[in-house]
PDB file of all heavy atoms in Angstrom:
ATOM      1  N   LYS A   1     -20.206   1.776  -3.303  1.00  0.00           N
ATOM      2  CA  LYS A   1     -19.158   1.958  -4.418  1.00  0.00           C
ATOM      3  C   LYS A   1     -18.662   3.422  -4.406  1.00  0.00           C
ATOM      4  O   LYS A   1     -17.391   3.692  -4.654  1.00  0.00           O
ATOM      5  CB  LYS A   1     -19.665   1.694  -5.850  1.00  0.00           C
ATOM      6  CG  LYS A   1     -19.939   0.141  -6.040  1.00  0.00           C
ATOM      7  CD  LYS A   1     -18.634  -0.725  -6.022  1.00  0.00           C
ATOM      8  CE  LYS A   1     -18.075  -0.508  -7.348  1.00  0.00           C
ATOM      9  NZ  LYS A   1     -16.780  -1.489  -7.646  1.00  0.00           N
ATOM     10  N   ARG A   2     -19.558   4.333  -4.232  1.00  0.00           N
ATOM     11  CA  ARG A   2     -19.219   5.791  -4.268  1.00  0.00           C
ATOM     12  C   ARG A   2     -18.355   6.101  -3.135  1.00  0.00           C
ATOM     13  O   ARG A   2     -17.424   6.828  -3.219  1.00  0.00           O
ATOM     14  CB  ARG A   2     -20.493   6.593  -4.354  1.00  0.00           C
ATOM     15  CG  ARG A   2     -20.166   8.093  -4.428  1.00  0.00           C
ATOM     16  CD  ARG A   2     -21.540   8.904  -4.576  1.00  0.00           C
ATOM     17  NE  ARG A   2     -22.470   8.714  -3.632  1.00  0.00           N
ATOM     18  CZ  ARG A   2     -23.619   7.947  -3.865  1.00  0.00           C
ATOM     19  NH1 ARG A   2     -23.866   7.511  -5.057  1.00  0.00           N
ATOM     20  NH2 ARG A   2     -24.522   7.847  -2.938  1.00  0.00           N
ATOM     21  N   ALA A   3     -18.647   5.655  -1.939  1.00  0.00           N
ATOM     22  CA  ALA A   3     -17.858   5.824  -0.636  1.00  0.00           C
ATOM     23  C   ALA A   3     -16.519   5.262  -0.783  1.00  0.00           C
ATOM     24  O   ALA A   3     -15.528   6.040  -0.364  1.00  0.00           O
ATOM     25  CB  ALA A   3     -18.649   5.165   0.505  1.00  0.00           C
ATOM     26  N   PHE A   4     -16.356   4.156  -1.396  1.00  0.00           N
ATOM     27  CA  PHE A   4     -14.912   3.607  -1.569  1.00  0.00           C
ATOM     28  C   PHE A   4     -14.156   4.412  -2.667  1.00  0.00           C
ATOM     29  O   PHE A   4     -13.069   4.753  -2.319  1.00  0.00           O
ATOM     30  CB  PHE A   4     -15.121   2.134  -1.931  1.00  0.00           C
ATOM     31  CG  PHE A   4     -15.286   1.181  -0.784  1.00  0.00           C
ATOM     32  CD1 PHE A   4     -16.378   0.594  -0.543  1.00  0.00           C
ATOM     33  CD2 PHE A   4     -14.012   0.878  -0.073  1.00  0.00           C
ATOM     34  CE1 PHE A   4     -16.534  -0.251   0.540  1.00  0.00           C
ATOM     35  CE2 PHE A   4     -14.236  -0.114   0.922  1.00  0.00           C
ATOM     36  CZ  PHE A   4     -15.529  -0.602   1.323  1.00  0.00           C
ATOM     37  N   LYS A   5     -14.915   4.844  -3.611  1.00  0.00           N
ATOM     38  CA  LYS A   5     -14.261   5.767  -4.606  1.00  0.00           C
ATOM     39  C   LYS A   5     -13.743   7.011  -4.124  1.00  0.00           C
ATOM     40  O   LYS A   5     -12.761   7.568  -4.349  1.00  0.00           O
ATOM     41  CB  LYS A   5     -15.165   5.842  -5.803  1.00  0.00           C
ATOM     42  CG  LYS A   5     -14.472   6.690  -6.889  1.00  0.00           C
ATOM     43  CD  LYS A   5     -15.528   6.794  -8.113  1.00  0.00           C
ATOM     44  CE  LYS A   5     -14.813   7.546  -9.312  1.00  0.00           C
ATOM     45  NZ  LYS A   5     -15.693   7.785 -10.468  1.00  0.00           N
ATOM     46  N   GLU A   6     -14.642   7.658  -3.110  1.00  0.00           N
ATOM     47  CA  GLU A   6     -14.393   8.906  -2.574  1.00  0.00           C
ATOM     48  C   GLU A   6     -13.466   8.851  -1.301  1.00  0.00           C
ATOM     49  O   GLU A   6     -13.243   9.765  -0.693  1.00  0.00           O
ATOM     50  CB  GLU A   6     -15.613   9.670  -2.315  1.00  0.00           C
ATOM     51  CG  GLU A   6     -16.451  10.062  -3.604  1.00  0.00           C
ATOM     52  CD  GLU A   6     -17.826  10.694  -3.303  1.00  0.00           C
ATOM     53  OE1 GLU A   6     -18.212  10.644  -2.084  1.00  0.00           O
ATOM     54  OE2 GLU A   6     -18.454  11.044  -4.218  1.00  0.00           O
ATOM     55  N   ARG A   7     -13.119   7.616  -1.031  1.00  0.00           N
ATOM     56  CA  ARG A   7     -12.177   7.311   0.225  1.00  0.00           C
ATOM     57  C   ARG A   7     -12.837   7.810   1.509  1.00  0.00           C
ATOM     58  O   ARG A   7     -12.035   8.355   2.380  1.00  0.00           O
ATOM     59  CB  ARG A   7     -10.860   7.951  -0.092  1.00  0.00           C
ATOM     60  CG  ARG A   7     -10.140   7.542  -1.484  1.00  0.00           C
ATOM     61  CD  ARG A   7      -8.865   8.263  -1.606  1.00  0.00           C
ATOM     62  NE  ARG A   7      -8.374   8.016  -2.834  1.00  0.00           N
ATOM     63  CZ  ARG A   7      -7.167   8.553  -3.414  1.00  0.00           C
ATOM     64  NH1 ARG A   7      -6.480   9.305  -2.740  1.00  0.00           N
ATOM     65  NH2 ARG A   7      -6.807   8.164  -4.661  1.00  0.00           N
ATOM     66  N   THR A   8     -14.062   7.573   1.551  1.00  0.00           N
ATOM     67  CA  THR A   8     -14.651   7.965   2.931  1.00  0.00           C
ATOM     68  C   THR A   8     -14.868   6.758   3.805  1.00  0.00           C
ATOM     69  O   THR A   8     -15.433   6.829   4.917  1.00  0.00           O
ATOM     70  CB  THR A   8     -16.186   8.656   2.706  1.00  0.00           C
ATOM     71  OG1 THR A   8     -17.083   7.698   1.925  1.00  0.00           O
ATOM     72  CG2 THR A   8     -15.956   9.903   1.970  1.00  0.00           C
ATOM     73  N   VAL A   9     -14.506   5.563   3.404  1.00  0.00           N
ATOM     74  CA  VAL A   9     -14.553   4.371   4.239  1.00  0.00           C
ATOM     75  C   VAL A   9     -13.181   4.265   5.022  1.00  0.00           C
ATOM     76  O   VAL A   9     -12.150   4.293   4.446  1.00  0.00           O
ATOM     77  CB  VAL A   9     -14.762   3.140   3.392  1.00  0.00           C
ATOM     78  CG1 VAL A   9     -14.721   1.912   4.160  1.00  0.00           C
ATOM     79  CG2 VAL A   9     -16.108   3.221   2.557  1.00  0.00           C
ATOM     80  N   ASP A  10     -13.252   4.004   6.194  1.00  0.00           N
ATOM     81  CA  ASP A  10     -12.046   3.924   7.158  1.00  0.00           C
ATOM     82  C   ASP A  10     -11.733   2.373   7.102  1.00  0.00           C
ATOM     83  O   ASP A  10     -12.276   1.550   7.705  1.00  0.00           O
ATOM     84  CB  ASP A  10     -12.389   4.379   8.497  1.00  0.00           C
ATOM     85  CG  ASP A  10     -11.095   4.487   9.328  1.00  0.00           C
ATOM     86  OD1 ASP A  10      -9.990   4.375   8.733  1.00  0.00           O
ATOM     87  OD2 ASP A  10     -11.236   4.483  10.575  1.00  0.00           O
ATOM     88  N   LYS A  11     -10.662   2.002   6.351  1.00  0.00           N
ATOM     89  CA  LYS A  11     -10.068   0.545   6.394  1.00  0.00           C
ATOM     90  C   LYS A  11      -8.927   0.503   7.291  1.00  0.00           C
ATOM     91  O   LYS A  11      -7.806   1.140   6.922  1.00  0.00           O
ATOM     92  CB  LYS A  11      -9.738   0.216   5.014  1.00  0.00           C
ATOM     93  CG  LYS A  11     -10.974   0.325   3.992  1.00  0.00           C
ATOM     94  CD  LYS A  11     -10.652   0.011   2.560  1.00  0.00           C
ATOM     95  CE  LYS A  11      -9.960   1.151   1.964  1.00  0.00           C
ATOM     96  NZ  LYS A  11      -9.600   1.013   0.590  1.00  0.00           N
ATOM     97  N   VAL A  12      -8.927  -0.160   8.384  1.00  0.00           N
ATOM     98  CA  VAL A  12      -7.832  -0.261   9.232  1.00  0.00           C
ATOM     99  C   VAL A  12      -7.378  -1.714   9.335  1.00  0.00           C
ATOM    100  O   VAL A  12      -8.081  -2.566   9.625  1.00  0.00           O
ATOM    101  CB  VAL A  12      -8.291   0.141  10.698  1.00  0.00           C
ATOM    102  CG1 VAL A  12      -7.116   0.097  11.619  1.00  0.00           C
ATOM    103  CG2 VAL A  12      -9.022   1.521  10.676  1.00  0.00           C
ATOM    104  N   TYR A  13      -6.002  -1.941   8.983  1.00  0.00           N
ATOM    105  CA  TYR A  13      -5.480  -3.163   8.956  1.00  0.00           C
ATOM    106  C   TYR A  13      -4.434  -3.263  10.150  1.00  0.00           C
ATOM    107  O   TYR A  13      -3.826  -2.258  10.496  1.00  0.00           O
ATOM    108  CB  TYR A  13      -4.759  -3.498   7.657  1.00  0.00           C
ATOM    109  CG  TYR A  13      -5.600  -3.539   6.495  1.00  0.00           C
ATOM    110  CD1 TYR A  13      -6.215  -2.451   5.906  1.00  0.00           C
ATOM    111  CD2 TYR A  13      -5.956  -4.710   5.946  1.00  0.00           C
ATOM    112  CE1 TYR A  13      -7.073  -2.657   4.690  1.00  0.00           C
ATOM    113  CE2 TYR A  13      -6.659  -5.023   4.816  1.00  0.00           C
ATOM    114  CZ  TYR A  13      -7.333  -3.916   4.250  1.00  0.00           C
ATOM    115  OH  TYR A  13      -8.135  -4.028   3.046  1.00  0.00           O
ATOM    116  N   HIS A  14      -4.235  -4.448  10.721  1.00  0.00           N
ATOM    117  CA  HIS A  14      -3.057  -4.688  11.473  1.00  0.00           C
ATOM    118  C   HIS A  14      -2.125  -5.582  10.728  1.00  0.00           C
ATOM    119  O   HIS A  14      -2.618  -6.604  10.078  1.00  0.00           O
ATOM    120  CB  HIS A  14      -3.495  -5.364  12.772  1.00  0.00           C
ATOM    121  CG  HIS A  14      -4.113  -4.228  13.743  1.00  0.00           C
ATOM    122  ND1 HIS A  14      -4.228  -4.541  15.122  1.00  0.00           N
ATOM    123  CD2 HIS A  14      -4.355  -2.976  13.724  1.00  0.00           C
ATOM    124  CE1 HIS A  14      -4.836  -3.564  15.733  1.00  0.00           C
ATOM    125  NE2 HIS A  14      -4.836  -2.482  14.884  1.00  0.00           N
ATOM    126  N   ALA A  15      -0.846  -5.418  10.824  1.00  0.00           N
ATOM    127  CA  ALA A  15       0.178  -6.125  10.098  1.00  0.00           C
ATOM    128  C   ALA A  15       1.367  -6.300  10.986  1.00  0.00           C
ATOM    129  O   ALA A  15       1.656  -5.396  11.855  1.00  0.00           O
ATOM    130  CB  ALA A  15       0.400  -5.530   8.822  1.00  0.00           C
ATOM    131  N   VAL A  16       2.181  -7.333  10.775  1.00  0.00           N
ATOM    132  CA  VAL A  16       3.384  -7.545  11.474  1.00  0.00           C
ATOM    133  C   VAL A  16       4.512  -7.424  10.337  1.00  0.00           C
ATOM    134  O   VAL A  16       4.476  -8.191   9.333  1.00  0.00           O
ATOM    135  CB  VAL A  16       3.462  -8.902  12.241  1.00  0.00           C
ATOM    136  CG1 VAL A  16       4.864  -8.969  12.720  1.00  0.00           C
ATOM    137  CG2 VAL A  16       2.552  -8.757  13.446  1.00  0.00           C
ATOM    138  N   ALA A  17       5.410  -6.478  10.432  1.00  0.00           N
ATOM    139  CA  ALA A  17       6.409  -6.242   9.441  1.00  0.00           C
ATOM    140  C   ALA A  17       7.728  -6.684  10.115  1.00  0.00           C
ATOM    141  O   ALA A  17       8.022  -6.512  11.333  1.00  0.00           O
ATOM    142  CB  ALA A  17       6.450  -4.810   9.011  1.00  0.00           C
ATOM    143  N   GLN A  18       8.710  -7.139   9.217  1.00  0.00           N
ATOM    144  CA  GLN A  18       9.980  -7.539   9.687  1.00  0.00           C
ATOM    145  C   GLN A  18      10.765  -6.250  10.109  1.00  0.00           C
ATOM    146  O   GLN A  18      10.751  -5.222   9.455  1.00  0.00           O
ATOM    147  CB  GLN A  18      10.773  -8.318   8.664  1.00  0.00           C
ATOM    148  CG  GLN A  18      10.205  -9.643   8.454  1.00  0.00           C
ATOM    149  CD  GLN A  18      11.162 -10.424   7.504  1.00  0.00           C
ATOM    150  OE1 GLN A  18      10.730 -11.496   7.114  1.00  0.00           O
ATOM    151  NE2 GLN A  18      12.282  -9.946   7.001  1.00  0.00           N
ATOM    152  N   GLY A  19      11.570  -6.367  11.251  1.00  0.00           N
ATOM    153  CA  GLY A  19      12.494  -5.320  11.660  1.00  0.00           C
ATOM    154  C   GLY A  19      11.713  -4.153  12.346  1.00  0.00           C
ATOM    155  O   GLY A  19      10.551  -4.277  12.631  1.00  0.00           O
ATOM    156  N   HIS A  20      12.321  -3.072  12.467  1.00  0.00           N
ATOM    157  CA  HIS A  20      11.780  -1.882  13.170  1.00  0.00           C
ATOM    158  C   HIS A  20      11.712  -0.757  12.240  1.00  0.00           C
ATOM    159  O   HIS A  20      12.764  -0.203  11.692  1.00  0.00           O
ATOM    160  CB  HIS A  20      12.656  -1.619  14.530  1.00  0.00           C
ATOM    161  CG  HIS A  20      12.716  -2.632  15.412  1.00  0.00           C
ATOM    162  ND1 HIS A  20      13.800  -2.878  16.213  1.00  0.00           N
ATOM    163  CD2 HIS A  20      11.870  -3.630  15.737  1.00  0.00           C
ATOM    164  CE1 HIS A  20      13.603  -3.948  16.909  1.00  0.00           C
ATOM    165  NE2 HIS A  20      12.468  -4.430  16.639  1.00  0.00           N
ATOM    166  N   LEU A  21      10.597  -0.174  12.097  1.00  0.00           N
ATOM    167  CA  LEU A  21      10.359   1.052  11.096  1.00  0.00           C
ATOM    168  C   LEU A  21      10.850   2.237  11.742  1.00  0.00           C
ATOM    169  O   LEU A  21      10.629   2.584  12.938  1.00  0.00           O
ATOM    170  CB  LEU A  21       9.002   1.095  10.777  1.00  0.00           C
ATOM    171  CG  LEU A  21       8.488   0.108   9.535  1.00  0.00           C
ATOM    172  CD1 LEU A  21       8.411  -1.313  10.184  1.00  0.00           C
ATOM    173  CD2 LEU A  21       7.291   0.560   8.913  1.00  0.00           C
ATOM    174  N   ASP A  22      11.579   3.078  10.956  1.00  0.00           N
ATOM    175  CA  ASP A  22      12.004   4.389  11.358  1.00  0.00           C
ATOM    176  C   ASP A  22      11.807   5.293  10.302  1.00  0.00           C
ATOM    177  O   ASP A  22      12.296   5.262   9.168  1.00  0.00           O
ATOM    178  CB  ASP A  22      13.565   4.293  11.712  1.00  0.00           C
ATOM    179  CG  ASP A  22      14.061   5.601  12.187  1.00  0.00           C
ATOM    180  OD1 ASP A  22      13.235   6.450  12.651  1.00  0.00           O
ATOM    181  OD2 ASP A  22      15.376   5.867  12.296  1.00  0.00           O
ATOM    182  N   PRO A  23      10.832   6.336  10.410  1.00  0.00           N
ATOM    183  CA  PRO A  23      10.209   6.757  11.627  1.00  0.00           C
ATOM    184  C   PRO A  23       9.122   5.603  12.063  1.00  0.00           C
ATOM    185  O   PRO A  23       8.686   4.875  11.166  1.00  0.00           O
ATOM    186  CB  PRO A  23       9.490   7.933  11.398  1.00  0.00           C
ATOM    187  CG  PRO A  23       9.235   8.055   9.881  1.00  0.00           C
ATOM    188  CD  PRO A  23      10.498   7.290   9.347  1.00  0.00           C
ATOM    189  N   THR A  24       8.585   5.694  13.244  1.00  0.00           N
ATOM    190  CA  THR A  24       7.655   4.748  13.671  1.00  0.00           C
ATOM    191  C   THR A  24       6.172   5.071  13.267  1.00  0.00           C
ATOM    192  O   THR A  24       5.282   4.235  13.507  1.00  0.00           O
ATOM    193  CB  THR A  24       7.608   4.662  15.267  1.00  0.00           C
ATOM    194  OG1 THR A  24       7.505   6.043  15.820  1.00  0.00           O
ATOM    195  CG2 THR A  24       8.999   4.099  15.781  1.00  0.00           C
ATOM    196  N   ALA A  25       6.002   6.151  12.620  1.00  0.00           N
ATOM    197  CA  ALA A  25       4.742   6.555  12.047  1.00  0.00           C
ATOM    198  C   ALA A  25       5.042   7.267  10.760  1.00  0.00           C
ATOM    199  O   ALA A  25       5.947   8.183  10.703  1.00  0.00           O
ATOM    200  CB  ALA A  25       3.844   7.314  12.996  1.00  0.00           C
ATOM    201  N   GLY A  26       4.289   7.040   9.784  1.00  0.00           N
ATOM    202  CA  GLY A  26       4.599   7.679   8.548  1.00  0.00           C
ATOM    203  C   GLY A  26       3.511   7.337   7.355  1.00  0.00           C
ATOM    204  O   GLY A  26       2.641   6.615   7.527  1.00  0.00           O
ATOM    205  N   THR A  27       3.798   7.885   6.189  1.00  0.00           N
ATOM    206  CA  THR A  27       2.931   7.817   5.001  1.00  0.00           C
ATOM    207  C   THR A  27       3.755   7.282   3.846  1.00  0.00           C
ATOM    208  O   THR A  27       4.893   7.815   3.639  1.00  0.00           O
ATOM    209  CB  THR A  27       2.307   8.960   4.653  1.00  0.00           C
ATOM    210  OG1 THR A  27       1.241   9.393   5.733  1.00  0.00           O
ATOM    211  CG2 THR A  27       1.451   8.809   3.411  1.00  0.00           C
ATOM    212  N   VAL A  28       3.354   6.252   3.155  1.00  0.00           N
ATOM    213  CA  VAL A  28       4.070   5.755   1.963  1.00  0.00           C
ATOM    214  C   VAL A  28       3.056   6.234   0.762  1.00  0.00           C
ATOM    215  O   VAL A  28       1.988   5.911   0.726  1.00  0.00           O
ATOM    216  CB  VAL A  28       4.288   4.278   1.843  1.00  0.00           C
ATOM    217  CG1 VAL A  28       4.992   4.008   0.636  1.00  0.00           C
ATOM    218  CG2 VAL A  28       4.983   3.825   3.151  1.00  0.00           C
ATOM    219  N   ASP A  29       3.580   7.123  -0.062  1.00  0.00           N
ATOM    220  CA  ASP A  29       2.899   7.622  -1.233  1.00  0.00           C
ATOM    221  C   ASP A  29       3.660   7.217  -2.457  1.00  0.00           C
ATOM    222  O   ASP A  29       4.670   8.035  -2.862  1.00  0.00           O
ATOM    223  CB  ASP A  29       2.676   9.139  -1.232  1.00  0.00           C
ATOM    224  CG  ASP A  29       1.799   9.699  -2.245  1.00  0.00           C
ATOM    225  OD1 ASP A  29       1.522   9.080  -3.199  1.00  0.00           O
ATOM    226  OD2 ASP A  29       1.455  10.926  -2.095  1.00  0.00           O
ATOM    227  N   ALA A  30       3.408   5.996  -2.972  1.00  0.00           N
ATOM    228  CA  ALA A  30       4.171   5.596  -4.077  1.00  0.00           C
ATOM    229  C   ALA A  30       3.234   4.749  -5.003  1.00  0.00           C
ATOM    230  O   ALA A  30       2.492   3.963  -4.567  1.00  0.00           O
ATOM    231  CB  ALA A  30       5.280   4.605  -3.602  1.00  0.00           C
ATOM    232  N   PRO A  31       3.447   5.002  -6.337  1.00  0.00           N
ATOM    233  CA  PRO A  31       2.442   4.324  -7.342  1.00  0.00           C
ATOM    234  C   PRO A  31       2.602   2.857  -7.473  1.00  0.00           C
ATOM    235  O   PRO A  31       3.955   2.478  -7.423  1.00  0.00           O
ATOM    236  CB  PRO A  31       2.719   5.084  -8.681  1.00  0.00           C
ATOM    237  CG  PRO A  31       4.241   5.581  -8.480  1.00  0.00           C
ATOM    238  CD  PRO A  31       4.365   5.916  -6.987  1.00  0.00           C
ATOM    239  N   ILE A  32       1.753   2.120  -7.634  1.00  0.00           N
ATOM    240  CA  ILE A  32       1.593   0.698  -7.799  1.00  0.00           C
ATOM    241  C   ILE A  32       1.214   0.196  -9.078  1.00  0.00           C
ATOM    242  O   ILE A  32       0.128   0.615  -9.516  1.00  0.00           O
ATOM    243  CB  ILE A  32       0.982   0.002  -6.541  1.00  0.00           C
ATOM    244  CG1 ILE A  32       1.705   0.355  -5.267  1.00  0.00           C
ATOM    245  CG2 ILE A  32       0.820  -1.523  -6.836  1.00  0.00           C
ATOM    246  CD1 ILE A  32       0.927  -0.356  -4.038  1.00  0.00           C
ATOM    247  N   GLY A  33       1.971  -0.792  -9.706  1.00  0.00           N
ATOM    248  CA  GLY A  33       1.562  -1.275 -11.042  1.00  0.00           C
ATOM    249  C   GLY A  33       1.961  -2.758 -10.974  1.00  0.00           C
ATOM    250  O   GLY A  33       2.540  -3.286 -10.006  1.00  0.00           O
ATOM    251  N   ARG A  34       1.783  -3.458 -12.214  1.00  0.00           N
ATOM    252  CA  ARG A  34       2.203  -4.855 -12.251  1.00  0.00           C
ATOM    253  C   ARG A  34       3.761  -4.867 -12.206  1.00  0.00           C
ATOM    254  O   ARG A  34       4.445  -3.957 -12.519  1.00  0.00           O
ATOM    255  CB  ARG A  34       1.843  -5.319 -13.762  1.00  0.00           C
ATOM    256  CG  ARG A  34       0.508  -5.470 -13.880  1.00  0.00           C
ATOM    257  CD  ARG A  34      -0.095  -6.791 -13.323  1.00  0.00           C
ATOM    258  NE  ARG A  34      -1.494  -6.985 -13.486  1.00  0.00           N
ATOM    259  CZ  ARG A  34      -2.191  -7.996 -13.095  1.00  0.00           C
ATOM    260  NH1 ARG A  34      -1.537  -8.987 -12.355  1.00  0.00           N
ATOM    261  NH2 ARG A  34      -3.365  -8.207 -13.169  1.00  0.00           N
ATOM    262  N   HIS A  35       4.158  -6.010 -11.555  1.00  0.00           N
ATOM    263  CA  HIS A  35       5.562  -6.328 -11.442  1.00  0.00           C
ATOM    264  C   HIS A  35       6.177  -6.352 -12.772  1.00  0.00           C
ATOM    265  O   HIS A  35       5.615  -7.073 -13.694  1.00  0.00           O
ATOM    266  CB  HIS A  35       5.839  -7.435 -10.481  1.00  0.00           C
ATOM    267  CG  HIS A  35       7.209  -7.641 -10.048  1.00  0.00           C
ATOM    268  ND1 HIS A  35       8.224  -8.088 -10.804  1.00  0.00           N
ATOM    269  CD2 HIS A  35       7.663  -7.380  -8.767  1.00  0.00           C
ATOM    270  CE1 HIS A  35       9.304  -8.109 -10.165  1.00  0.00           C
ATOM    271  NE2 HIS A  35       9.054  -7.762  -8.865  1.00  0.00           N
ATOM    272  N   PRO A  36       7.400  -5.758 -13.040  1.00  0.00           N
ATOM    273  CA  PRO A  36       7.954  -5.899 -14.355  1.00  0.00           C
ATOM    274  C   PRO A  36       8.336  -7.416 -14.909  1.00  0.00           C
ATOM    275  O   PRO A  36       8.415  -7.606 -16.037  1.00  0.00           O
ATOM    276  CB  PRO A  36       9.152  -4.984 -14.304  1.00  0.00           C
ATOM    277  CG  PRO A  36       9.448  -4.912 -12.898  1.00  0.00           C
ATOM    278  CD  PRO A  36       8.315  -4.803 -12.129  1.00  0.00           C
ATOM    279  N   THR A  37       8.544  -8.226 -14.040  1.00  0.00           N
ATOM    280  CA  THR A  37       9.021  -9.561 -14.272  1.00  0.00           C
ATOM    281  C   THR A  37       8.150 -10.652 -13.749  1.00  0.00           C
ATOM    282  O   THR A  37       8.461 -11.880 -14.088  1.00  0.00           O
ATOM    283  CB  THR A  37      10.520  -9.769 -13.877  1.00  0.00           C
ATOM    284  OG1 THR A  37      10.543  -9.643 -12.380  1.00  0.00           O
ATOM    285  CG2 THR A  37      11.393  -8.752 -14.511  1.00  0.00           C
ATOM    286  N   SER A  38       7.116 -10.321 -12.998  1.00  0.00           N
ATOM    287  CA  SER A  38       6.322 -11.457 -12.327  1.00  0.00           C
ATOM    288  C   SER A  38       4.752 -11.201 -12.542  1.00  0.00           C
ATOM    289  O   SER A  38       4.283 -10.082 -12.194  1.00  0.00           O
ATOM    290  CB  SER A  38       6.621 -11.591 -10.921  1.00  0.00           C
ATOM    291  OG  SER A  38       5.743 -12.521 -10.298  1.00  0.00           O
ATOM    292  N   ASP A  39       4.053 -12.074 -13.293  1.00  0.00           N
ATOM    293  CA  ASP A  39       2.800 -11.902 -13.576  1.00  0.00           C
ATOM    294  C   ASP A  39       1.785 -11.592 -12.371  1.00  0.00           C
ATOM    295  O   ASP A  39       0.848 -11.129 -12.451  1.00  0.00           O
ATOM    296  CB  ASP A  39       2.263 -13.035 -14.437  1.00  0.00           C
ATOM    297  CG  ASP A  39       2.897 -12.976 -15.879  1.00  0.00           C
ATOM    298  OD1 ASP A  39       3.342 -11.898 -16.251  1.00  0.00           O
ATOM    299  OD2 ASP A  39       2.841 -14.062 -16.538  1.00  0.00           O
ATOM    300  N   TYR A  40       2.140 -12.415 -11.185  1.00  0.00           N
ATOM    301  CA  TYR A  40       1.347 -12.405 -10.087  1.00  0.00           C
ATOM    302  C   TYR A  40       1.696 -11.598  -9.050  1.00  0.00           C
ATOM    303  O   TYR A  40       1.144 -11.661  -7.941  1.00  0.00           O
ATOM    304  CB  TYR A  40       1.220 -13.824  -9.623  1.00  0.00           C
ATOM    305  CG  TYR A  40       0.750 -14.884 -10.736  1.00  0.00           C
ATOM    306  CD1 TYR A  40       1.571 -15.700 -11.480  1.00  0.00           C
ATOM    307  CD2 TYR A  40      -0.498 -15.004 -10.978  1.00  0.00           C
ATOM    308  CE1 TYR A  40       1.140 -16.483 -12.393  1.00  0.00           C
ATOM    309  CE2 TYR A  40      -1.080 -15.682 -11.951  1.00  0.00           C
ATOM    310  CZ  TYR A  40      -0.237 -16.587 -12.753  1.00  0.00           C
ATOM    311  OH  TYR A  40      -0.676 -17.413 -13.670  1.00  0.00           O
ATOM    312  N   LYS A  41       2.581 -10.589  -9.310  1.00  0.00           N
ATOM    313  CA  LYS A  41       3.110  -9.682  -8.141  1.00  0.00           C
ATOM    314  C   LYS A  41       3.013  -8.183  -8.627  1.00  0.00           C
ATOM    315  O   LYS A  41       2.713  -7.948  -9.927  1.00  0.00           O
ATOM    316  CB  LYS A  41       4.525  -9.928  -7.845  1.00  0.00           C
ATOM    317  CG  LYS A  41       4.752 -11.308  -7.172  1.00  0.00           C
ATOM    318  CD  LYS A  41       6.227 -11.462  -6.988  1.00  0.00           C
ATOM    319  CE  LYS A  41       7.022 -10.457  -6.240  1.00  0.00           C
ATOM    320  NZ  LYS A  41       8.371 -10.921  -5.882  1.00  0.00           N
ATOM    321  N   PHE A  42       2.844  -7.387  -7.717  1.00  0.00           N
ATOM    322  CA  PHE A  42       2.824  -6.018  -8.024  1.00  0.00           C
ATOM    323  C   PHE A  42       4.093  -5.197  -7.470  1.00  0.00           C
ATOM    324  O   PHE A  42       4.725  -5.818  -6.697  1.00  0.00           O
ATOM    325  CB  PHE A  42       1.542  -5.346  -7.504  1.00  0.00           C
ATOM    326  CG  PHE A  42       0.392  -5.889  -8.202  1.00  0.00           C
ATOM    327  CD1 PHE A  42      -0.115  -7.133  -7.859  1.00  0.00           C
ATOM    328  CD2 PHE A  42      -0.268  -5.089  -9.140  1.00  0.00           C
ATOM    329  CE1 PHE A  42      -1.317  -7.549  -8.517  1.00  0.00           C
ATOM    330  CE2 PHE A  42      -1.377  -5.627  -9.837  1.00  0.00           C
ATOM    331  CZ  PHE A  42      -1.917  -6.916  -9.536  1.00  0.00           C
ATOM    332  N   ALA A  43       4.316  -4.015  -7.916  1.00  0.00           N
ATOM    333  CA  ALA A  43       5.424  -3.307  -7.356  1.00  0.00           C
ATOM    334  C   ALA A  43       5.295  -1.751  -7.452  1.00  0.00           C
ATOM    335  O   ALA A  43       4.382  -1.352  -8.108  1.00  0.00           O
ATOM    336  CB  ALA A  43       6.620  -3.770  -8.199  1.00  0.00           C
ATOM    337  N   VAL A  44       6.152  -1.096  -6.806  1.00  0.00           N
ATOM    338  CA  VAL A  44       6.216   0.456  -6.926  1.00  0.00           C
ATOM    339  C   VAL A  44       6.848   0.663  -8.339  1.00  0.00           C
ATOM    340  O   VAL A  44       7.990   0.312  -8.464  1.00  0.00           O
ATOM    341  CB  VAL A  44       6.884   1.068  -5.759  1.00  0.00           C
ATOM    342  CG1 VAL A  44       7.226   2.510  -6.097  1.00  0.00           C
ATOM    343  CG2 VAL A  44       6.299   0.865  -4.399  1.00  0.00           C
ATOM    344  N   VAL A  45       6.117   1.175  -9.218  1.00  0.00           N
ATOM    345  CA  VAL A  45       6.650   1.440 -10.650  1.00  0.00           C
ATOM    346  C   VAL A  45       6.221   2.895 -11.080  1.00  0.00           C
ATOM    347  O   VAL A  45       5.092   3.313 -10.705  1.00  0.00           O
ATOM    348  CB  VAL A  45       6.095   0.371 -11.526  1.00  0.00           C
ATOM    349  CG1 VAL A  45       6.777  -1.081 -11.254  1.00  0.00           C
ATOM    350  CG2 VAL A  45       4.650   0.259 -11.588  1.00  0.00           C
ATOM    351  N   GLU A  46       7.093   3.397 -11.829  1.00  0.00           N
ATOM    352  CA  GLU A  46       6.770   4.599 -12.479  1.00  0.00           C
ATOM    353  C   GLU A  46       5.593   4.591 -13.372  1.00  0.00           C
ATOM    354  O   GLU A  46       5.537   3.502 -14.165  1.00  0.00           O
ATOM    355  CB  GLU A  46       7.916   5.222 -13.293  1.00  0.00           C
ATOM    356  CG  GLU A  46       7.819   6.552 -13.859  1.00  0.00           C
ATOM    357  CD  GLU A  46       8.924   7.049 -14.624  1.00  0.00           C
ATOM    358  OE1 GLU A  46      10.079   6.411 -14.518  1.00  0.00           O
ATOM    359  OE2 GLU A  46       8.970   8.096 -15.186  1.00  0.00           O
TER     360      GLU A  46
END
């Protein structure tokens, strides 16, 4: 629990996304919360 909280666990996922990402490597730093209109979804929200 401490390792996950301190972000020392290396979690590597493979995913297939639609289209071609530009740039081909990058970081998304955006806050996530409950979707404003859907109970079962989440979204990037202030």
